[in-house]
């Protein structure tokens, strides 16, 4: 199974039409990767689907970087009893 970070990068790359190898944990979804608000909402929905979790949308949308998204999703998976490889 892919790690949380690999899965987050893969989804981010798919939604934003980027090469996953070029996505770094310190990258901002909006400033560095060019996500617009509609794409940010799409990312949240796809992360929820990928990991089988439900995230608070406002909290999820306030996450600015890829690395913070990995931490946030890992935390939510833990809270909801969903196994996620670190």
PDB file of N, CA and C in Angstrom:
ATOM      1  N   UNK A   1       0.851  -1.195   0.000  1.00  0.00           N
ATOM      2  CA  UNK A   1       0.000   0.000   0.000  1.00  0.00           C
ATOM      3  C   UNK A   1       0.889   1.248   0.000  1.00  0.00           C
ATOM      4  N   UNK A   2       0.502   2.236  -0.748  1.00  0.00           N
ATOM      5  CA  UNK A   2       1.245   3.492  -0.809  1.00  0.00           C
ATOM      6  C   UNK A   2       1.091   4.246   0.509  1.00  0.00           C
ATOM      7  N   UNK A   3       2.079   5.074   0.822  1.00  0.00           N
ATOM      8  CA  UNK A   3       2.011   5.878   2.043  1.00  0.00           C
ATOM      9  C   UNK A   3       0.990   6.994   1.866  1.00  0.00           C
ATOM     10  N   UNK A   4       0.630   7.623   2.973  1.00  0.00           N
ATOM     11  CA  UNK A   4      -0.295   8.761   2.919  1.00  0.00           C
ATOM     12  C   UNK A   4       0.287   9.834   1.998  1.00  0.00           C
ATOM     13  N   UNK A   5       1.584  10.116   2.149  1.00  0.00           N
ATOM     14  CA  UNK A   5       2.202  11.161   1.331  1.00  0.00           C
ATOM     15  C   UNK A   5       2.131  10.819  -0.158  1.00  0.00           C
ATOM     16  N   UNK A   6       2.420   9.568  -0.506  1.00  0.00           N
ATOM     17  CA  UNK A   6       2.363   9.165  -1.926  1.00  0.00           C
ATOM     18  C   UNK A   6       0.951   9.300  -2.476  1.00  0.00           C
ATOM     19  N   UNK A   7      -0.032   8.927  -1.677  1.00  0.00           N
ATOM     20  CA  UNK A   7      -1.427   9.006  -2.117  1.00  0.00           C
ATOM     21  C   UNK A   7      -1.876  10.461  -2.254  1.00  0.00           C
ATOM     22  N   UNK A   8      -1.468  11.315  -1.304  1.00  0.00           N
ATOM     23  CA  UNK A   8      -1.814  12.742  -1.374  1.00  0.00           C
ATOM     24  C   UNK A   8      -1.189  13.360  -2.628  1.00  0.00           C
ATOM     25  N   UNK A   9       0.071  13.040  -2.886  1.00  0.00           N
ATOM     26  CA  UNK A   9       0.743  13.582  -4.072  1.00  0.00           C
ATOM     27  C   UNK A   9       0.067  13.099  -5.357  1.00  0.00           C
ATOM     28  N   UNK A  10      -0.319  11.832  -5.404  1.00  0.00           N
ATOM     29  CA  UNK A  10      -0.947  11.282  -6.605  1.00  0.00           C
ATOM     30  C   UNK A  10      -2.274  11.981  -6.903  1.00  0.00           C
ATOM     31  N   UNK A  11      -3.078  12.189  -5.869  1.00  0.00           N
ATOM     32  CA  UNK A  11      -4.373  12.860  -6.055  1.00  0.00           C
ATOM     33  C   UNK A  11      -4.162  14.323  -6.441  1.00  0.00           C
ATOM     34  N   UNK A  12      -3.228  14.980  -5.753  1.00  0.00           N
ATOM     35  CA  UNK A  12      -2.928  16.380  -6.062  1.00  0.00           C
ATOM     36  C   UNK A  12      -2.480  16.506  -7.518  1.00  0.00           C
ATOM     37  N   UNK A  13      -1.623  15.598  -7.950  1.00  0.00           N
ATOM     38  CA  UNK A  13      -1.125  15.630  -9.331  1.00  0.00           C
ATOM     39  C   UNK A  13      -2.269  15.429 -10.318  1.00  0.00           C
ATOM     40  N   UNK A  14      -3.182  14.512 -10.004  1.00  0.00           N
ATOM     41  CA  UNK A  14      -4.302  14.225 -10.901  1.00  0.00           C
ATOM     42  C   UNK A  14      -5.225  15.443 -11.018  1.00  0.00           C
ATOM     43  N   UNK A  15      -5.579  16.039  -9.888  1.00  0.00           N
ATOM     44  CA  UNK A  15      -6.517  17.172  -9.899  1.00  0.00           C
ATOM     45  C   UNK A  15      -5.887  18.409 -10.547  1.00  0.00           C
ATOM     46  N   UNK A  16      -4.613  18.662 -10.240  1.00  0.00           N
ATOM     47  CA  UNK A  16      -3.968  19.889 -10.724  1.00  0.00           C
ATOM     48  C   UNK A  16      -3.167  19.671 -12.004  1.00  0.00           C
ATOM     49  N   UNK A  17      -3.228  18.433 -12.530  1.00  0.00           N
ATOM     50  CA  UNK A  17      -2.529  18.088 -13.777  1.00  0.00           C
ATOM     51  C   UNK A  17      -1.030  18.409 -13.693  1.00  0.00           C
ATOM     52  N   UNK A  18      -0.398  17.829 -12.664  1.00  0.00           N
ATOM     53  CA  UNK A  18       1.032  18.020 -12.425  1.00  0.00           C
ATOM     54  C   UNK A  18       1.728  16.667 -12.393  1.00  0.00           C
ATOM     55  N   UNK A  19       3.054  16.689 -12.451  1.00  0.00           N
ATOM     56  CA  UNK A  19       3.858  15.475 -12.286  1.00  0.00           C
ATOM     57  C   UNK A  19       4.015  15.229 -10.782  1.00  0.00           C
ATOM     58  N   UNK A  20       3.576  14.066 -10.261  1.00  0.00           N
ATOM     59  CA  UNK A  20       3.663  13.820  -8.813  1.00  0.00           C
ATOM     60  C   UNK A  20       5.090  13.891  -8.287  1.00  0.00           C
ATOM     61  N   UNK A  21       6.085  13.600  -9.133  1.00  0.00           N
ATOM     62  CA  UNK A  21       7.485  13.648  -8.694  1.00  0.00           C
ATOM     63  C   UNK A  21       7.955  15.075  -8.409  1.00  0.00           C
ATOM     64  N   UNK A  22       7.234  16.056  -8.937  1.00  0.00           N
ATOM     65  CA  UNK A  22       7.621  17.455  -8.742  1.00  0.00           C
ATOM     66  C   UNK A  22       6.931  18.077  -7.528  1.00  0.00           C
ATOM     67  N   UNK A  23       6.021  17.345  -6.886  1.00  0.00           N
ATOM     68  CA  UNK A  23       5.286  17.877  -5.743  1.00  0.00           C
ATOM     69  C   UNK A  23       6.066  17.593  -4.460  1.00  0.00           C
ATOM     70  N   UNK A  24       6.359  18.641  -3.711  1.00  0.00           N
ATOM     71  CA  UNK A  24       7.151  18.530  -2.480  1.00  0.00           C
ATOM     72  C   UNK A  24       6.273  18.852  -1.264  1.00  0.00           C
ATOM     73  N   UNK A  25       6.623  18.281  -0.092  1.00  0.00           N
ATOM     74  CA  UNK A  25       5.820  18.531   1.119  1.00  0.00           C
ATOM     75  C   UNK A  25       5.676  20.015   1.476  1.00  0.00           C
ATOM     76  N   UNK A  26       6.700  20.811   1.162  1.00  0.00           N
ATOM     77  CA  UNK A  26       6.641  22.236   1.526  1.00  0.00           C
ATOM     78  C   UNK A  26       5.836  23.077   0.540  1.00  0.00           C
ATOM     79  N   UNK A  27       5.397  22.492  -0.560  1.00  0.00           N
ATOM     80  CA  UNK A  27       4.636  23.238  -1.569  1.00  0.00           C
ATOM     81  C   UNK A  27       3.253  23.642  -1.053  1.00  0.00           C
ATOM     82  N   UNK A  28       2.920  24.896  -1.304  1.00  0.00           N
ATOM     83  CA  UNK A  28       1.587  25.407  -1.007  1.00  0.00           C
ATOM     84  C   UNK A  28       0.670  24.999  -2.161  1.00  0.00           C
ATOM     85  N   UNK A  29      -0.539  24.526  -1.801  1.00  0.00           N
ATOM     86  CA  UNK A  29      -1.485  24.121  -2.851  1.00  0.00           C
ATOM     87  C   UNK A  29      -1.806  25.286  -3.782  1.00  0.00           C
ATOM     88  N   UNK A  30      -1.976  26.486  -3.222  1.00  0.00           N
ATOM     89  CA  UNK A  30      -2.369  27.617  -4.054  1.00  0.00           C
ATOM     90  C   UNK A  30      -1.164  28.356  -4.632  1.00  0.00           C
ATOM     91  N   UNK A  31      -0.233  28.791  -3.788  1.00  0.00           N
ATOM     92  CA  UNK A  31       0.883  29.612  -4.266  1.00  0.00           C
ATOM     93  C   UNK A  31       1.844  28.839  -5.164  1.00  0.00           C
ATOM     94  N   UNK A  32       2.206  27.612  -4.782  1.00  0.00           N
ATOM     95  CA  UNK A  32       3.202  26.855  -5.543  1.00  0.00           C
ATOM     96  C   UNK A  32       2.598  25.964  -6.630  1.00  0.00           C
ATOM     97  N   UNK A  33       1.434  25.387  -6.335  1.00  0.00           N
ATOM     98  CA  UNK A  33       0.861  24.403  -7.259  1.00  0.00           C
ATOM     99  C   UNK A  33      -0.299  24.948  -8.091  1.00  0.00           C
ATOM    100  N   UNK A  34      -0.741  26.167  -7.774  1.00  0.00           N
ATOM    101  CA  UNK A  34      -1.743  26.821  -8.608  1.00  0.00           C
ATOM    102  C   UNK A  34      -3.183  26.389  -8.414  1.00  0.00           C
ATOM    103  N   UNK A  35      -3.495  25.775  -7.262  1.00  0.00           N
ATOM    104  CA  UNK A  35      -4.875  25.336  -7.031  1.00  0.00           C
ATOM    105  C   UNK A  35      -5.794  26.543  -6.857  1.00  0.00           C
ATOM    106  N   UNK A  36      -6.937  26.483  -7.519  1.00  0.00           N
ATOM    107  CA  UNK A  36      -7.968  27.510  -7.341  1.00  0.00           C
ATOM    108  C   UNK A  36      -8.994  26.957  -6.359  1.00  0.00           C
ATOM    109  N   UNK A  37      -9.900  27.797  -5.894  1.00  0.00           N
ATOM    110  CA  UNK A  37     -10.826  27.379  -4.835  1.00  0.00           C
ATOM    111  C   UNK A  37     -11.647  26.148  -5.214  1.00  0.00           C
ATOM    112  N   UNK A  38     -12.102  26.072  -6.452  1.00  0.00           N
ATOM    113  CA  UNK A  38     -12.885  24.910  -6.886  1.00  0.00           C
ATOM    114  C   UNK A  38     -12.022  23.648  -6.819  1.00  0.00           C
ATOM    115  N   UNK A  39     -10.771  23.768  -7.222  1.00  0.00           N
ATOM    116  CA  UNK A  39      -9.862  22.620  -7.179  1.00  0.00           C
ATOM    117  C   UNK A  39      -9.554  22.214  -5.737  1.00  0.00           C
ATOM    118  N   UNK A  40      -9.470  23.184  -4.848  1.00  0.00           N
ATOM    119  CA  UNK A  40      -9.222  22.874  -3.433  1.00  0.00           C
ATOM    120  C   UNK A  40     -10.368  22.041  -2.872  1.00  0.00           C
ATOM    121  N   UNK A  41     -11.589  22.401  -3.223  1.00  0.00           N
ATOM    122  CA  UNK A  41     -12.765  21.639  -2.763  1.00  0.00           C
ATOM    123  C   UNK A  41     -12.742  20.238  -3.379  1.00  0.00           C
ATOM    124  N   UNK A  42     -12.356  20.156  -4.644  1.00  0.00           N
ATOM    125  CA  UNK A  42     -12.254  18.851  -5.311  1.00  0.00           C
ATOM    126  C   UNK A  42     -11.189  17.983  -4.633  1.00  0.00           C
ATOM    127  N   UNK A  43     -10.074  18.590  -4.255  1.00  0.00           N
ATOM    128  CA  UNK A  43      -9.016  17.846  -3.561  1.00  0.00           C
ATOM    129  C   UNK A  43      -9.531  17.268  -2.247  1.00  0.00           C
ATOM    130  N   UNK A  44     -10.241  18.078  -1.465  1.00  0.00           N
ATOM    131  CA  UNK A  44     -10.785  17.609  -0.184  1.00  0.00           C
ATOM    132  C   UNK A  44     -11.703  16.406  -0.421  1.00  0.00           C
ATOM    133  N   UNK A  45     -12.585  16.515  -1.402  1.00  0.00           N
ATOM    134  CA  UNK A  45     -13.514  15.419  -1.703  1.00  0.00           C
ATOM    135  C   UNK A  45     -12.766  14.160  -2.131  1.00  0.00           C
ATOM    136  N   UNK A  46     -11.738  14.324  -2.942  1.00  0.00           N
ATOM    137  CA  UNK A  46     -10.989  13.159  -3.416  1.00  0.00           C
ATOM    138  C   UNK A  46     -10.145  12.533  -2.303  1.00  0.00           C
ATOM    139  N   UNK A  47      -9.616  13.364  -1.399  1.00  0.00           N
ATOM    140  CA  UNK A  47      -8.880  12.815  -0.250  1.00  0.00           C
ATOM    141  C   UNK A  47      -9.833  12.001   0.631  1.00  0.00           C
ATOM    142  N   UNK A  48     -11.037  12.525   0.843  1.00  0.00           N
ATOM    143  CA  UNK A  48     -12.026  11.802   1.653  1.00  0.00           C
ATOM    144  C   UNK A  48     -12.348  10.451   1.018  1.00  0.00           C
ATOM    145  N   UNK A  49     -12.544  10.456  -0.292  1.00  0.00           N
ATOM    146  CA  UNK A  49     -12.877   9.221  -1.006  1.00  0.00           C
ATOM    147  C   UNK A  49     -11.703   8.233  -0.965  1.00  0.00           C
ATOM    148  N   UNK A  50     -10.504   8.733  -1.224  1.00  0.00           N
ATOM    149  CA  UNK A  50      -9.305   7.884  -1.259  1.00  0.00           C
ATOM    150  C   UNK A  50      -9.058   7.193   0.077  1.00  0.00           C
ATOM    151  N   UNK A  51      -9.234   7.941   1.168  1.00  0.00           N
ATOM    152  CA  UNK A  51      -8.892   7.407   2.485  1.00  0.00           C
ATOM    153  C   UNK A  51     -10.100   6.861   3.246  1.00  0.00           C
ATOM    154  N   UNK A  52     -11.303   7.065   2.709  1.00  0.00           N
ATOM    155  CA  UNK A  52     -12.499   6.570   3.387  1.00  0.00           C
ATOM    156  C   UNK A  52     -12.771   7.290   4.691  1.00  0.00           C
ATOM    157  N   UNK A  53     -12.559   8.611   4.674  1.00  0.00           N
ATOM    158  CA  UNK A  53     -12.740   9.432   5.877  1.00  0.00           C
ATOM    159  C   UNK A  53     -13.663  10.597   5.580  1.00  0.00           C
ATOM    160  N   UNK A  54     -14.085  11.275   6.655  1.00  0.00           N
ATOM    161  CA  UNK A  54     -14.825  12.526   6.516  1.00  0.00           C
ATOM    162  C   UNK A  54     -14.050  13.607   7.230  1.00  0.00           C
ATOM    163  N   UNK A  55     -13.757  14.684   6.515  1.00  0.00           N
ATOM    164  CA  UNK A  55     -12.997  15.792   7.094  1.00  0.00           C
ATOM    165  C   UNK A  55     -13.899  17.000   7.261  1.00  0.00           C
ATOM    166  N   UNK A  56     -13.631  17.785   8.280  1.00  0.00           N
ATOM    167  CA  UNK A  56     -14.296  19.073   8.437  1.00  0.00           C
ATOM    168  C   UNK A  56     -13.814  19.946   7.273  1.00  0.00           C
ATOM    169  N   UNK A  57     -14.745  20.382   6.435  1.00  0.00           N
ATOM    170  CA  UNK A  57     -14.343  21.081   5.211  1.00  0.00           C
ATOM    171  C   UNK A  57     -13.560  22.361   5.482  1.00  0.00           C
ATOM    172  N   UNK A  58     -14.005  23.151   6.464  1.00  0.00           N
ATOM    173  CA  UNK A  58     -13.284  24.398   6.761  1.00  0.00           C
ATOM    174  C   UNK A  58     -11.865  24.110   7.237  1.00  0.00           C
ATOM    175  N   UNK A  59     -11.731  23.110   8.115  1.00  0.00           N
ATOM    176  CA  UNK A  59     -10.401  22.748   8.611  1.00  0.00           C
ATOM    177  C   UNK A  59      -9.534  22.226   7.470  1.00  0.00           C
ATOM    178  N   UNK A  60     -10.113  21.381   6.617  1.00  0.00           N
ATOM    179  CA  UNK A  60      -9.358  20.812   5.497  1.00  0.00           C
ATOM    180  C   UNK A  60      -8.920  21.903   4.519  1.00  0.00           C
ATOM    181  N   UNK A  61      -9.798  22.853   4.249  1.00  0.00           N
ATOM    182  CA  UNK A  61      -9.470  23.925   3.300  1.00  0.00           C
ATOM    183  C   UNK A  61      -8.457  24.919   3.874  1.00  0.00           C
ATOM    184  N   UNK A  62      -8.275  24.917   5.196  1.00  0.00           N
ATOM    185  CA  UNK A  62      -7.304  25.830   5.802  1.00  0.00           C
ATOM    186  C   UNK A  62      -5.888  25.252   5.751  1.00  0.00           C
ATOM    187  N   UNK A  63      -5.759  23.980   5.387  1.00  0.00           N
ATOM    188  CA  UNK A  63      -4.444  23.354   5.267  1.00  0.00           C
ATOM    189  C   UNK A  63      -3.775  23.902   4.005  1.00  0.00           C
ATOM    190  N   UNK A  64      -2.576  24.472   4.168  1.00  0.00           N
ATOM    191  CA  UNK A  64      -1.967  25.178   3.050  1.00  0.00           C
ATOM    192  C   UNK A  64      -0.937  24.394   2.254  1.00  0.00           C
ATOM    193  N   UNK A  65      -0.221  23.465   2.912  1.00  0.00           N
ATOM    194  CA  UNK A  65       0.862  22.778   2.200  1.00  0.00           C
ATOM    195  C   UNK A  65       0.589  21.279   2.074  1.00  0.00           C
ATOM    196  N   UNK A  66       1.296  20.663   1.158  1.00  0.00           N
ATOM    197  CA  UNK A  66       1.162  19.218   0.928  1.00  0.00           C
ATOM    198  C   UNK A  66       1.541  18.458   2.200  1.00  0.00           C
ATOM    199  N   UNK A  67       2.629  18.860   2.836  1.00  0.00           N
ATOM    200  CA  UNK A  67       3.075  18.199   4.061  1.00  0.00           C
ATOM    201  C   UNK A  67       2.051  18.296   5.178  1.00  0.00           C
ATOM    202  N   UNK A  68       1.447  19.475   5.332  1.00  0.00           N
ATOM    203  CA  UNK A  68       0.412  19.654   6.365  1.00  0.00           C
ATOM    204  C   UNK A  68      -0.828  18.828   6.036  1.00  0.00           C
ATOM    205  N   UNK A  69      -1.127  18.668   4.749  1.00  0.00           N
ATOM    206  CA  UNK A  69      -2.267  17.835   4.343  1.00  0.00           C
ATOM    207  C   UNK A  69      -2.015  16.385   4.738  1.00  0.00           C
ATOM    208  N   UNK A  70      -0.786  15.919   4.558  1.00  0.00           N
ATOM    209  CA  UNK A  70      -0.430  14.549   4.941  1.00  0.00           C
ATOM    210  C   UNK A  70      -0.635  14.376   6.446  1.00  0.00           C
ATOM    211  N   UNK A  71      -0.150  15.347   7.241  1.00  0.00           N
ATOM    212  CA  UNK A  71      -0.318  15.290   8.697  1.00  0.00           C
ATOM    213  C   UNK A  71      -1.798  15.309   9.077  1.00  0.00           C
ATOM    214  N   UNK A  72      -2.559  16.201   8.458  1.00  0.00           N
ATOM    215  CA  UNK A  72      -3.985  16.357   8.760  1.00  0.00           C
ATOM    216  C   UNK A  72      -4.746  15.070   8.444  1.00  0.00           C
ATOM    217  N   UNK A  73      -4.502  14.506   7.258  1.00  0.00           N
ATOM    218  CA  UNK A  73      -5.196  13.285   6.845  1.00  0.00           C
ATOM    219  C   UNK A  73      -4.808  12.115   7.751  1.00  0.00           C
ATOM    220  N   UNK A  74      -3.526  12.022   8.093  1.00  0.00           N
ATOM    221  CA  UNK A  74      -3.071  10.955   8.993  1.00  0.00           C
ATOM    222  C   UNK A  74      -3.786  11.058  10.334  1.00  0.00           C
ATOM    223  N   UNK A  75      -3.912  12.291  10.836  1.00  0.00           N
ATOM    224  CA  UNK A  75      -4.596  12.534  12.115  1.00  0.00           C
ATOM    225  C   UNK A  75      -6.075  12.141  12.030  1.00  0.00           C
ATOM    226  N   UNK A  76      -6.747  12.551  10.974  1.00  0.00           N
ATOM    227  CA  UNK A  76      -8.171  12.240  10.797  1.00  0.00           C
ATOM    228  C   UNK A  76      -8.360  10.723  10.662  1.00  0.00           C
ATOM    229  N   UNK A  77      -7.472  10.066   9.919  1.00  0.00           N
ATOM    230  CA  UNK A  77      -7.558   8.603   9.796  1.00  0.00           C
ATOM    231  C   UNK A  77      -7.457   7.956  11.171  1.00  0.00           C
ATOM    232  N   UNK A  78      -6.544   8.437  11.997  1.00  0.00           N
ATOM    233  CA  UNK A  78      -6.379   7.908  13.345  1.00  0.00           C
ATOM    234  C   UNK A  78      -7.628   8.101  14.182  1.00  0.00           C
ATOM    235  N   UNK A  79      -8.199   9.305  14.110  1.00  0.00           N
ATOM    236  CA  UNK A  79      -9.413   9.621  14.875  1.00  0.00           C
ATOM    237  C   UNK A  79     -10.595   8.753  14.438  1.00  0.00           C
ATOM    238  N   UNK A  80     -10.645   8.428  13.143  1.00  0.00           N
ATOM    239  CA  UNK A  80     -11.792   7.689  12.605  1.00  0.00           C
ATOM    240  C   UNK A  80     -11.517   6.185  12.484  1.00  0.00           C
ATOM    241  N   UNK A  81     -10.361   5.757  13.015  1.00  0.00           N
ATOM    242  CA  UNK A  81     -10.043   4.329  13.010  1.00  0.00           C
ATOM    243  C   UNK A  81      -9.765   3.742  11.648  1.00  0.00           C
ATOM    244  N   UNK A  82      -9.272   4.593  10.728  1.00  0.00           N
ATOM    245  CA  UNK A  82      -8.936   4.128   9.376  1.00  0.00           C
ATOM    246  C   UNK A  82      -7.430   3.918   9.324  1.00  0.00           C
ATOM    247  N   UNK A  83      -7.026   2.739   8.872  1.00  0.00           N
ATOM    248  CA  UNK A  83      -5.605   2.453   8.805  1.00  0.00           C
ATOM    249  C   UNK A  83      -4.979   3.185   7.617  1.00  0.00           C
ATOM    250  N   UNK A  84      -3.899   3.899   7.891  1.00  0.00           N
ATOM    251  CA  UNK A  84      -3.203   4.623   6.823  1.00  0.00           C
ATOM    252  C   UNK A  84      -1.700   4.451   7.040  1.00  0.00           C
ATOM    253  N   UNK A  85      -1.036   3.963   6.026  1.00  0.00           N
ATOM    254  CA  UNK A  85       0.403   3.742   6.128  1.00  0.00           C
ATOM    255  C   UNK A  85       1.123   5.079   6.113  1.00  0.00           C
ATOM    256  N   UNK A  86       1.993   5.280   7.087  1.00  0.00           N
ATOM    257  CA  UNK A  86       2.692   6.569   7.242  1.00  0.00           C
ATOM    258  C   UNK A  86       3.730   6.801   6.195  1.00  0.00           C
TER     259      UNK A  86
END
